[in-house]
Structures are given as structure tokens and as C-alpha cells.
Amino acid sequence: MLQIAFIRENQEKVIKALAKRNMDAKSVVEEVVKLDETRRATQVELDSTLAESNKLSKDIGELMKAGEKAKAAILKEKTVLLKEKSKELAEKAEVFAANLLEKLYTLPNLPADIVPEGKSADDNLNVFQEGDIPVLHEGAQPHWELVKKYDIIDFELGNKITGAGFPVYKGKGAKLQRALINYFLDKNTAAGYNEVQVPHMVNEASAYGTGQLPDKEGQMYHDKTDDLYLIPTAEVPVTNLFRDVILTENELPILTTAYTPCFRREAGSYGAHVRGLNRLHQFDKVEIVRIEHPEKSYEALDGMVEHVKSILQELKLPYRILRLCGGDMSFTSALTYDFEVYSTAQERWLEISSVSNFETFQANRLKLRFKGKDGKTQLAHTLNGSSLALPRVLAGILENYQTAEGIVIPEVLRPYCGFDVID
């Protein structure tokens, strides 16, 4: 959430920055500023009324001590009126504050200066590419055919048990899935990330804290009885570990990693581009989250990008890195790099990771602060990235490593799998 003080003092800057997201924010920004002015004026009047009431209470006490009961009675009548007025003002201030917060929730994060302009994924900037695209044997197949051939993932069985988008992993498919999870976690912990296991359901406050609500309410599975949400990513519970926390500067940076299943309704997703593992309602992902000093967060973001690169280099998958344009970034991000692996059998790029800096946007919602060496308290910066999302990595491995004799396992995964080939 954007800070109201920043909006108030930088209205034109905010409007111009949000235009990079293809958003005409002028009317919303003006309404936010007006609401804030009304709220602050009401609060000033409330504070003045309470101060006057407190002064009269002291005067009443003095008059009573002096035996001047008649004068004290007159002042008591005034305090009754002041209390009624202060109650009305407090209720108004509360309404104005709630309306202001509701409006602030509609404003996305400001894109960083280096975010390219653009309206869609077609306008994203390719900033890095590495790895040779393999030449496959004649008769090579997409992963949804390979998994049937080798009986390692069953989409139809998952559909029977639950519905479309909930696959069942079997035999070597299940072992390869587990191998990837363990490999990703080992890579992350070796890089200094502290592993945690977190709940797979969160409350409303947690979903608001990281920006899933109200922006992505329709994309999350919601248990209305207990008012809990199945997590769309480990980012939500992991980042909320630090909600309402004041850290010391010496505690920064904080590096955390977690494996969780993720649940996304993906409403409106249809067509060949979402076939097989390309888009699921339940999938596994290993996440990395960082809490950083504002002066060091972009250096940390570069480090996260290099970390994900090192994983893909070890897997020997052809990949590229895109800097997302303003029109394709998430609601909460200030700068995002997407990693895409090339699916040789599908002849298309598949997104496998997003690495983002949210600056203070999430921290402001979370009330995540740190106390500097000067004793002043300020908002921290939050960052997160997929390291990595499994379905499309698995699809890339199955398709790019297929041969006429079977699917070769990447060398780095063989100690985790216990086998070298799926045949």
C-alpha cells in the first residue's frame, strides 16, 4: 500500500508513475488526498475538543475544592456537550479513515524507474538469455503425452478425484517431483536462506498484508465457514511471519525459504496454452523471501536473480530473463524479473519464476518496520521469488531431456532421484 504522506506530497509523481501501468489515477489520487484532508481536519477538531474537555474537567475539580459548586455545575454541562461532540467526531474520523484505507487499497505499487512502458507481455524486455535449445529426435512429444507414455503423471485420475488441474504424480514422476523440491531447498539453504514450514491456509489479515486482497480475491480458494484462504504462494504466510514486527537494523537482511503446495482458481484460463502442467489449480513451489534495508533491496534483487540463474544453469535448461513492463507487472510489485524456460516440444517459452522487489508496499500493509541506528523507525523493503515453481520446470525437463530411449534425468538431480532415466 502506498503511504498517504508520500501521495499527498507527490501527487503528480504518483499519477505519472501509475500511468506507466496504463492507469489514469488522477481522480483516485485527488479523492485520496481530499479524504485525507477531511480525516486530518476532523482529527484536529477531535483533538481540540478532547483537550478542551480535559481542561474543563481540571477546572471543575479546582472549583469543587474551592466550594464553588454552582460554577462547577455550569462547566459540567459544557463537558457533557463536549463529550457528545467528541463522540460524533470520533465516529466521523473512523469512517473517513476506513474510506481512505479502502481507496488506498485500490492503488497499485509505483513502478521503478527502469520498468519499461508497455501494455502486455508482448512489451516485456528480454534482458538475458542462456542455454542451447536441444534438437529433439523425430517423434518427440509434449510432456502431456510423455507422462502417459511412461505412466508418471495421471491427469485423468486427478480429474476423477478432484477436478481438472489437480494431477496425480506416480512412481518416478513422484520421485522426480520430490527430488526437485529437495534440490531447490538445498540450493536455497546453502545460499543462506533459513528454511521454514508454514501453514497452507491464511486469514484475511495475512492476505491483505501481502496484497492478495482485495486485488486477487477471485483467484483464491476461500473457506467461508472459518474465513480462511488456501495460499496461492508461500510468499503469503512467509512474509506474514513479520507482520506487526519492529526489527532492529542489525537483524537485516532476513532470508527465508519454504516449500508449499499452492492453490489458484485460475478462473477463465482455457485453451491449449494451459494444457498439461502449463497451468494447474494445485502445484508445488519453493519460495525465497527477503526482508531488506531500503538502501540495499535492489542489490538484493540482483542477488536473487543470480541465485535463480545458478539453479537453471545446473539443470542445464535453456532460459531467458524478462524485465516486466508496467502493464504486465503484478499489483504489488515495483520491479519484476520473470524467468522463462524453453519448452522444445511445445516450441514456446514457459514462465517458471518471478523475482520481485515490492519496496515498502507490502511492509506498509504489514506494519513491518525496523529501528535504525539513529533510533528512528522506518518501513523495511520486502522481496520474493520462485526458486522454483515445479510444474513448468518439470515440463521443461521432460520435454528437453527426452530421447528415443527415455527421459534422461539432469545430472544434478540424479543423487536426489536415485535413477538416471525414466524409461
Protein backbone atom coordinates (compact mmCIF):
# COMPACT_ATOMS: atom_id res chain seq x y z
CA MET A 1 0.00 0.00 0.00
CA LEU A 2 1.29 3.44 -0.90
CA GLN A 3 1.97 5.78 2.02
CA ILE A 4 -0.56 8.59 2.26
CA ALA A 5 2.10 11.16 3.21
CA PHE A 6 4.03 10.32 0.04
CA ILE A 7 0.91 10.61 -2.12
CA ARG A 8 -0.05 13.92 -0.52
CA GLU A 9 3.39 15.41 -1.16
CA ASN A 10 3.97 13.86 -4.61
CA GLN A 11 0.60 13.81 -6.36
CA GLU A 12 1.87 14.45 -9.88
CA LYS A 13 4.70 11.96 -9.46
CA VAL A 14 2.27 9.25 -8.36
CA ILE A 15 -0.11 9.96 -11.25
CA LYS A 16 2.76 9.88 -13.75
CA ALA A 17 4.22 6.67 -12.30
CA LEU A 18 0.87 4.85 -12.37
CA ALA A 19 0.39 5.93 -15.98
CA LYS A 20 3.25 3.50 -16.73
CA ARG A 21 0.80 0.83 -15.58
CA ASN A 22 -1.70 2.21 -18.10
CA MET A 23 -3.76 3.57 -15.23
CA ASP A 24 -5.37 7.00 -15.19
CA ALA A 25 -5.01 7.61 -11.46
CA LYS A 26 -5.73 11.35 -11.37
CA SER A 27 -9.27 11.12 -9.99
CA VAL A 28 -8.37 8.43 -7.44
CA VAL A 29 -5.31 10.33 -6.22
CA GLU A 30 -7.34 13.53 -5.89
CA GLU A 31 -10.05 11.66 -3.97
CA VAL A 32 -7.47 10.07 -1.68
CA VAL A 33 -5.90 13.45 -0.90
CA LYS A 34 -9.31 15.02 -0.27
CA LEU A 35 -10.32 12.18 2.05
CA ASP A 36 -7.04 12.53 3.91
CA GLU A 37 -7.53 16.28 4.31
CA THR A 38 -11.04 15.72 5.68
CA ARG A 39 -9.83 12.97 8.00
CA ARG A 40 -6.97 15.11 9.32
CA ALA A 41 -9.21 18.16 9.80
CA THR A 42 -11.71 16.02 11.69
CA GLN A 43 -8.91 14.58 13.82
CA VAL A 44 -7.61 18.09 14.63
CA GLU A 45 -11.10 19.16 15.69
CA LEU A 46 -11.47 15.98 17.76
CA ASP A 47 -8.12 16.54 19.49
CA SER A 48 -9.08 20.15 20.23
CA THR A 49 -12.44 19.10 21.64
CA LEU A 50 -10.87 16.44 23.85
CA ALA A 51 -8.25 18.92 25.07
CA GLU A 52 -10.94 21.44 25.94
CA SER A 53 -12.96 18.76 27.74
CA ASN A 54 -9.90 17.69 29.74
CA LYS A 55 -9.16 21.29 30.72
CA LEU A 56 -12.74 21.79 31.90
CA SER A 57 -12.54 18.60 33.97
CA LYS A 58 -9.48 20.00 35.75
CA ASP A 59 -11.23 23.35 36.25
CA ILE A 60 -14.25 21.54 37.70
CA GLY A 61 -12.00 19.77 40.16
CA GLU A 62 -10.47 23.07 41.27
CA LEU A 63 -13.85 24.73 41.64
CA MET A 64 -15.17 21.83 43.73
CA LYS A 65 -12.16 22.08 46.02
CA ALA A 66 -12.86 25.81 46.39
CA GLY A 67 -16.50 25.08 47.23
CA GLU A 68 -17.84 26.87 44.15
CA LYS A 69 -20.36 24.19 43.23
CA ALA A 70 -22.59 26.45 41.12
CA LYS A 71 -19.76 27.40 38.79
CA ALA A 72 -18.66 23.75 38.66
CA ALA A 73 -22.16 22.69 37.64
CA ILE A 74 -22.12 25.13 34.69
CA LEU A 75 -18.83 23.66 33.48
CA LYS A 76 -20.18 20.13 33.90
CA GLU A 77 -22.99 20.95 31.45
CA LYS A 78 -20.37 22.13 28.97
CA THR A 79 -18.36 18.90 29.36
CA VAL A 80 -21.48 16.85 28.61
CA LEU A 81 -21.88 18.71 25.31
CA LEU A 82 -18.17 18.37 24.56
CA LYS A 83 -18.30 14.63 25.18
CA GLU A 84 -21.23 14.28 22.78
CA LYS A 85 -19.35 16.33 20.19
CA SER A 86 -16.14 14.31 20.63
CA LYS A 87 -18.09 11.07 20.22
CA GLU A 88 -19.59 12.31 16.93
CA LEU A 89 -16.19 13.49 15.71
CA ALA A 90 -14.55 10.18 16.65
CA GLU A 91 -17.18 8.27 14.67
CA LYS A 92 -16.69 10.58 11.67
CA ALA A 93 -12.90 10.24 11.86
CA GLU A 94 -13.25 6.46 11.94
CA VAL A 95 -15.48 6.50 8.85
CA PHE A 96 -13.12 8.82 6.98
CA ALA A 97 -10.13 6.64 7.91
CA ALA A 98 -11.92 3.49 6.70
CA ASN A 99 -12.90 5.18 3.43
CA LEU A 100 -9.35 6.39 2.94
CA LEU A 101 -7.92 2.92 3.57
CA GLU A 102 -10.40 1.41 1.11
CA LYS A 103 -9.27 3.87 -1.57
CA LEU A 104 -5.59 3.31 -0.83
CA TYR A 105 -6.11 -0.43 -1.35
CA THR A 106 -7.18 0.28 -4.95
CA LEU A 107 -3.85 1.90 -5.85
CA PRO A 108 -1.12 -0.46 -7.09
CA ASN A 109 2.56 -0.03 -6.34
CA LEU A 110 4.60 2.55 -8.24
CA PRO A 111 6.85 1.01 -10.91
CA ALA A 112 10.59 1.56 -10.51
CA ASP A 113 12.23 3.97 -12.92
CA ILE A 114 13.77 1.18 -15.01
CA VAL A 115 10.44 -0.58 -15.60
CA PRO A 116 9.75 -0.38 -19.36
CA GLU A 117 6.50 1.08 -20.61
CA GLY A 118 4.07 -1.34 -22.20
CA LYS A 119 0.56 -2.76 -22.07
CA SER A 120 1.07 -6.54 -22.12
CA ALA A 121 3.58 -9.39 -22.03
CA ASP A 122 4.47 -8.57 -25.63
CA ASP A 123 6.17 -5.40 -24.34
CA ASN A 124 8.40 -7.10 -21.74
CA LEU A 125 12.13 -6.59 -22.17
CA ASN A 126 14.40 -9.60 -22.73
CA VAL A 127 17.49 -8.78 -20.64
CA PHE A 128 19.31 -12.14 -20.63
CA GLN A 129 19.22 -15.50 -22.36
CA GLU A 130 21.34 -18.59 -21.86
CA GLY A 131 21.46 -22.24 -22.87
CA ASP A 132 21.26 -24.09 -26.14
CA ILE A 133 17.86 -25.26 -27.29
CA PRO A 134 18.24 -29.02 -27.87
CA VAL A 135 17.41 -30.67 -31.17
CA LEU A 136 14.94 -33.43 -30.36
CA HIS A 137 14.64 -36.80 -32.05
CA GLU A 138 11.96 -37.45 -34.62
CA GLY A 139 8.66 -38.20 -32.94
CA ALA A 140 9.41 -36.10 -29.84
CA GLN A 141 6.29 -35.32 -27.80
CA PRO A 142 4.96 -32.64 -25.46
CA HIS A 143 5.03 -33.50 -21.79
CA TRP A 144 1.31 -34.34 -21.54
CA GLU A 145 1.91 -37.22 -23.97
CA LEU A 146 5.20 -38.26 -22.35
CA VAL A 147 3.65 -38.62 -18.89
CA LYS A 148 1.04 -41.02 -20.30
CA LYS A 149 3.68 -42.97 -22.20
CA TYR A 150 5.80 -43.53 -19.09
CA ASP A 151 2.88 -43.52 -16.61
CA ILE A 152 4.40 -40.89 -14.30
CA ILE A 153 1.61 -38.26 -14.08
CA ASP A 154 -2.11 -39.01 -14.39
CA PHE A 155 -4.33 -36.03 -15.22
CA GLU A 156 -7.47 -38.11 -15.68
CA LEU A 157 -7.12 -39.75 -12.27
CA GLY A 158 -6.71 -36.32 -10.66
CA ASN A 159 -9.77 -35.15 -12.54
CA LYS A 160 -11.76 -38.08 -11.12
CA ILE A 161 -10.62 -37.41 -7.56
CA THR A 162 -10.95 -33.62 -7.58
CA GLY A 163 -11.27 -31.99 -10.99
CA ALA A 164 -9.19 -30.56 -13.83
CA GLY A 165 -5.89 -29.02 -12.76
CA PHE A 166 -5.18 -31.46 -9.90
CA PRO A 167 -2.76 -34.09 -11.28
CA VAL A 168 -1.64 -37.29 -9.59
CA TYR A 169 2.14 -37.93 -9.66
CA LYS A 170 3.11 -41.61 -9.80
CA GLY A 171 6.26 -43.71 -9.48
CA LYS A 172 9.29 -41.98 -10.96
CA GLY A 173 7.17 -38.89 -11.58
CA ALA A 174 6.51 -38.55 -7.84
CA LYS A 175 10.18 -39.18 -7.05
CA LEU A 176 11.32 -36.59 -9.58
CA GLN A 177 8.88 -34.09 -8.08
CA ARG A 178 10.26 -34.75 -4.59
CA ALA A 179 13.82 -34.58 -5.90
CA LEU A 180 13.21 -31.12 -7.35
CA ILE A 181 11.74 -29.86 -4.08
CA ASN A 182 14.69 -31.13 -2.05
CA TYR A 183 17.20 -29.82 -4.58
CA PHE A 184 15.65 -26.35 -4.61
CA LEU A 185 15.54 -26.21 -0.80
CA ASP A 186 19.16 -27.37 -0.53
CA LYS A 187 20.27 -24.72 -3.03
CA ASN A 188 18.40 -22.03 -1.11
CA THR A 189 19.64 -23.00 2.34
CA ALA A 190 23.22 -23.26 1.02
CA ALA A 191 22.79 -19.65 -0.16
CA GLY A 192 21.86 -18.53 3.35
CA TYR A 193 18.08 -18.82 3.34
CA ASN A 194 16.53 -20.15 6.53
CA GLU A 195 14.02 -22.91 5.83
CA VAL A 196 10.58 -22.74 7.45
CA GLN A 197 7.40 -24.78 7.24
CA VAL A 198 4.29 -22.60 7.24
CA PRO A 199 0.50 -23.06 7.21
CA HIS A 200 -1.15 -23.66 3.85
CA MET A 201 -4.16 -21.55 4.85
CA VAL A 202 -4.11 -17.91 5.93
CA ASN A 203 -6.56 -15.46 7.47
CA GLU A 204 -7.86 -12.32 5.82
CA ALA A 205 -5.31 -10.05 7.52
CA SER A 206 -2.46 -12.08 6.02
CA ALA A 207 -3.98 -11.95 2.54
CA TYR A 208 -4.37 -8.18 2.82
CA GLY A 209 -0.84 -7.87 4.20
CA THR A 210 0.87 -9.16 1.06
CA GLY A 211 -1.65 -7.68 -1.38
CA GLN A 212 -3.63 -10.74 -2.49
CA LEU A 213 -6.71 -9.00 -1.13
CA PRO A 214 -8.58 -7.21 -2.46
CA ASP A 215 -6.74 -7.49 -5.80
CA LYS A 216 -6.90 -11.28 -6.34
CA GLU A 217 -9.90 -12.30 -4.27
CA GLY A 218 -11.46 -14.25 -7.14
CA GLN A 219 -8.30 -16.25 -7.73
CA MET A 220 -8.09 -17.76 -4.23
CA TYR A 221 -9.96 -20.70 -2.74
CA HIS A 222 -11.91 -19.44 0.27
CA ASP A 223 -13.36 -21.37 3.19
CA LYS A 224 -16.26 -19.14 4.20
CA THR A 225 -17.02 -21.04 7.42
CA ASP A 226 -13.69 -20.20 9.06
CA ASP A 227 -12.88 -17.26 6.73
CA LEU A 228 -9.56 -18.77 5.68
CA TYR A 229 -7.85 -18.77 2.29
CA LEU A 230 -5.76 -21.52 0.70
CA ILE A 231 -2.42 -19.93 -0.15
CA PRO A 232 -1.66 -19.05 -3.78
CA THR A 233 2.06 -18.95 -2.92
CA ALA A 234 4.33 -19.41 0.11
CA GLU A 235 5.06 -15.69 -0.16
CA VAL A 236 1.85 -15.00 1.78
CA PRO A 237 2.46 -16.95 5.02
CA VAL A 238 6.25 -16.46 4.95
CA THR A 239 6.11 -12.67 4.58
CA ASN A 240 3.37 -12.51 7.23
CA LEU A 241 5.76 -14.04 9.74
CA PHE A 242 6.94 -10.43 10.07
CA ARG A 243 3.56 -8.68 10.21
CA ASP A 244 3.35 -6.12 13.06
CA VAL A 245 7.04 -6.60 13.82
CA ILE A 246 9.65 -3.94 14.56
CA LEU A 247 13.14 -5.26 13.76
CA THR A 248 16.50 -3.76 14.56
CA GLU A 249 18.74 -2.69 11.70
CA ASN A 250 21.26 -5.33 12.79
CA GLU A 251 18.69 -8.08 12.11
CA LEU A 252 18.57 -7.16 8.41
CA PRO A 253 18.65 -8.79 5.98
CA ILE A 254 16.36 -11.71 6.79
CA LEU A 255 16.40 -14.55 4.24
CA THR A 256 13.70 -17.23 4.34
CA THR A 257 12.74 -20.16 2.11
CA ALA A 258 9.78 -22.52 2.19
CA TYR A 259 8.22 -25.32 0.19
CA THR A 260 4.43 -25.39 -0.02
CA PRO A 261 1.70 -26.59 -2.31
CA CYS A 262 -0.02 -23.61 -3.93
CA PHE A 263 -3.69 -23.25 -4.84
CA ARG A 264 -5.06 -20.98 -7.55
CA ARG A 265 -8.51 -20.98 -9.07
CA GLU A 266 -7.13 -19.55 -12.35
CA ALA A 267 -10.65 -18.54 -13.35
CA GLY A 268 -11.07 -18.03 -17.07
CA SER A 269 -7.94 -19.99 -18.05
CA TYR A 270 -8.72 -22.19 -21.02
CA GLY A 271 -7.08 -23.34 -24.25
CA ALA A 272 -4.03 -25.24 -25.47
CA HIS A 273 -1.62 -22.89 -23.69
CA VAL A 274 -2.80 -24.22 -20.29
CA ARG A 275 -2.67 -27.89 -21.22
CA GLY A 276 -0.93 -30.48 -19.02
CA LEU A 277 1.40 -28.93 -16.45
CA ASN A 278 1.30 -25.50 -18.06
CA ARG A 279 -1.33 -24.26 -15.62
CA LEU A 280 -2.72 -26.07 -12.57
CA HIS A 281 -5.07 -25.34 -9.70
CA GLN A 282 -2.73 -27.10 -7.25
CA PHE A 283 1.03 -27.16 -7.73
CA ASP A 284 4.25 -27.26 -5.73
CA LYS A 285 6.64 -24.35 -5.37
CA VAL A 286 9.72 -23.41 -3.38
CA GLU A 287 9.83 -19.73 -2.48
CA ILE A 288 12.50 -17.32 -1.28
CA VAL A 289 11.60 -14.18 0.71
CA ARG A 290 13.87 -11.37 1.86
CA ILE A 291 13.35 -8.53 4.33
CA GLU A 292 15.85 -5.83 3.44
CA HIS A 293 17.10 -2.37 4.33
CA PRO A 294 15.69 0.08 1.75
CA GLU A 295 19.19 1.11 0.67
CA LYS A 296 20.15 -2.48 -0.14
CA SER A 297 17.00 -4.01 -1.61
CA TYR A 298 17.88 -3.59 -5.28
CA GLU A 299 21.29 -5.11 -4.71
CA ALA A 300 19.45 -7.98 -3.02
CA LEU A 301 17.10 -8.29 -6.01
CA ASP A 302 20.10 -8.67 -8.33
CA GLY A 303 21.44 -11.36 -5.99
CA MET A 304 18.14 -13.25 -6.14
CA VAL A 305 18.21 -13.14 -9.93
CA GLU A 306 21.74 -14.57 -9.94
CA HIS A 307 20.66 -17.28 -7.50
CA VAL A 308 17.80 -18.47 -9.73
CA LYS A 309 20.15 -18.33 -12.73
CA SER A 310 22.56 -20.68 -10.95
CA ILE A 311 19.79 -23.25 -10.46
CA LEU A 312 18.81 -23.22 -14.12
CA GLN A 313 22.45 -23.43 -15.15
CA GLU A 314 22.85 -26.58 -13.07
CA LEU A 315 19.67 -28.04 -14.53
CA LYS A 316 21.06 -27.14 -17.98
CA LEU A 317 17.73 -25.82 -19.21
CA PRO A 318 17.58 -23.08 -21.86
CA TYR A 319 16.08 -19.99 -20.23
CA ARG A 320 15.66 -16.26 -20.57
CA ILE A 321 15.01 -13.37 -18.17
CA LEU A 322 12.43 -10.68 -18.86
CA ARG A 323 12.08 -7.32 -17.15
CA LEU A 324 8.32 -6.88 -16.98
CA CYS A 325 6.73 -3.78 -18.43
CA GLY A 326 4.35 -1.60 -16.43
CA GLY A 327 1.27 -3.21 -17.95
CA ASP A 328 2.33 -6.77 -17.09
CA MET A 329 3.57 -6.35 -13.52
CA SER A 330 1.66 -7.60 -10.50
CA PHE A 331 -0.38 -5.15 -8.41
CA THR A 332 2.18 -5.14 -5.59
CA SER A 333 5.50 -5.11 -7.46
CA ALA A 334 7.85 -2.18 -8.07
CA LEU A 335 10.14 -4.24 -10.32
CA THR A 336 9.82 -7.85 -11.51
CA TYR A 337 12.07 -10.18 -13.46
CA ASP A 338 10.39 -13.23 -14.97
CA PHE A 339 12.35 -16.38 -15.77
CA GLU A 340 11.11 -18.49 -18.66
CA VAL A 341 12.33 -21.94 -19.71
CA TYR A 342 12.10 -23.00 -23.32
CA SER A 343 9.80 -25.95 -23.98
CA THR A 344 11.31 -27.55 -27.07
CA ALA A 345 8.40 -29.89 -27.74
CA GLN A 346 5.84 -27.07 -27.42
CA GLU A 347 8.15 -24.56 -29.14
CA ARG A 348 7.30 -21.85 -26.63
CA TRP A 349 8.63 -20.16 -23.51
CA LEU A 350 7.10 -21.11 -20.15
CA GLU A 351 7.27 -18.83 -17.11
CA ILE A 352 8.86 -20.63 -14.16
CA SER A 353 9.78 -17.83 -11.75
CA SER A 354 9.05 -14.24 -10.85
CA VAL A 355 11.57 -12.35 -8.73
CA SER A 356 10.23 -9.05 -7.39
CA ASN A 357 11.02 -6.08 -5.19
CA PHE A 358 7.94 -4.63 -3.51
CA GLU A 359 9.86 -1.83 -1.78
CA THR A 360 7.65 -0.58 1.12
CA PHE A 361 4.31 -1.53 -0.49
CA GLN A 362 3.79 -4.77 1.45
CA ALA A 363 5.63 -3.52 4.54
CA ASN A 364 3.22 -0.60 4.87
CA ARG A 365 0.26 -3.01 4.88
CA LEU A 366 2.07 -5.39 7.21
CA LYS A 367 3.37 -2.66 9.55
CA LEU A 368 6.77 -4.28 9.08
CA ARG A 369 9.36 -1.81 10.35
CA PHE A 370 12.89 -1.62 11.63
CA LYS A 371 14.62 0.73 14.02
CA GLY A 372 17.72 2.32 12.52
CA LYS A 373 20.94 3.09 14.33
CA ASP A 374 19.70 6.64 14.77
CA GLY A 375 16.72 5.31 16.74
CA LYS A 376 14.19 6.24 14.06
CA THR A 377 11.68 3.66 12.86
CA GLN A 378 11.02 3.15 9.14
CA LEU A 379 9.42 0.64 6.80
CA ALA A 380 11.51 -2.26 5.53
CA HIS A 381 11.57 -3.49 1.93
CA THR A 382 10.20 -6.93 1.05
CA LEU A 383 11.25 -9.12 -1.87
CA ASN A 384 10.30 -12.58 -3.02
CA GLY A 385 10.92 -15.04 -5.82
CA SER A 386 10.07 -18.53 -7.01
CA SER A 387 13.06 -20.79 -6.56
CA LEU A 388 11.39 -22.54 -8.28
CA ALA A 389 7.83 -23.35 -9.34
CA LEU A 390 7.79 -27.04 -10.18
CA PRO A 391 5.19 -27.77 -12.88
CA ARG A 392 6.79 -25.94 -15.78
CA VAL A 393 10.33 -26.81 -14.67
CA LEU A 394 9.22 -30.43 -14.71
CA ALA A 395 7.60 -29.93 -18.13
CA GLY A 396 10.84 -28.41 -19.41
CA ILE A 397 12.90 -31.33 -18.11
CA LEU A 398 10.56 -33.95 -19.54
CA GLU A 399 10.46 -32.32 -22.97
CA ASN A 400 14.05 -31.09 -23.33
CA TYR A 401 15.65 -34.22 -21.91
CA GLN A 402 13.55 -36.75 -23.84
CA THR A 403 15.27 -39.23 -26.14
CA ALA A 404 14.02 -42.12 -28.22
CA GLU A 405 15.03 -44.47 -25.36
CA GLY A 406 13.56 -42.48 -22.48
CA ILE A 407 13.80 -39.27 -20.46
CA VAL A 408 17.28 -38.59 -19.13
CA ILE A 409 17.44 -37.09 -15.62
CA PRO A 410 19.60 -33.93 -15.27
CA GLU A 411 22.88 -34.89 -13.67
CA VAL A 412 22.44 -32.59 -10.66
CA LEU A 413 19.13 -34.34 -9.77
CA ARG A 414 20.33 -37.93 -10.00
CA PRO A 415 21.54 -38.16 -6.38
CA TYR A 416 18.11 -36.93 -5.29
CA CYS A 417 16.13 -39.23 -7.61
CA GLY A 418 18.10 -42.45 -7.27
CA PHE A 419 17.77 -43.14 -11.01
CA ASP A 420 19.26 -41.73 -14.20
CA VAL A 421 16.47 -42.22 -16.72
CA ILE A 422 12.70 -42.62 -16.97
CA ASP A 423 12.00 -45.47 -19.41
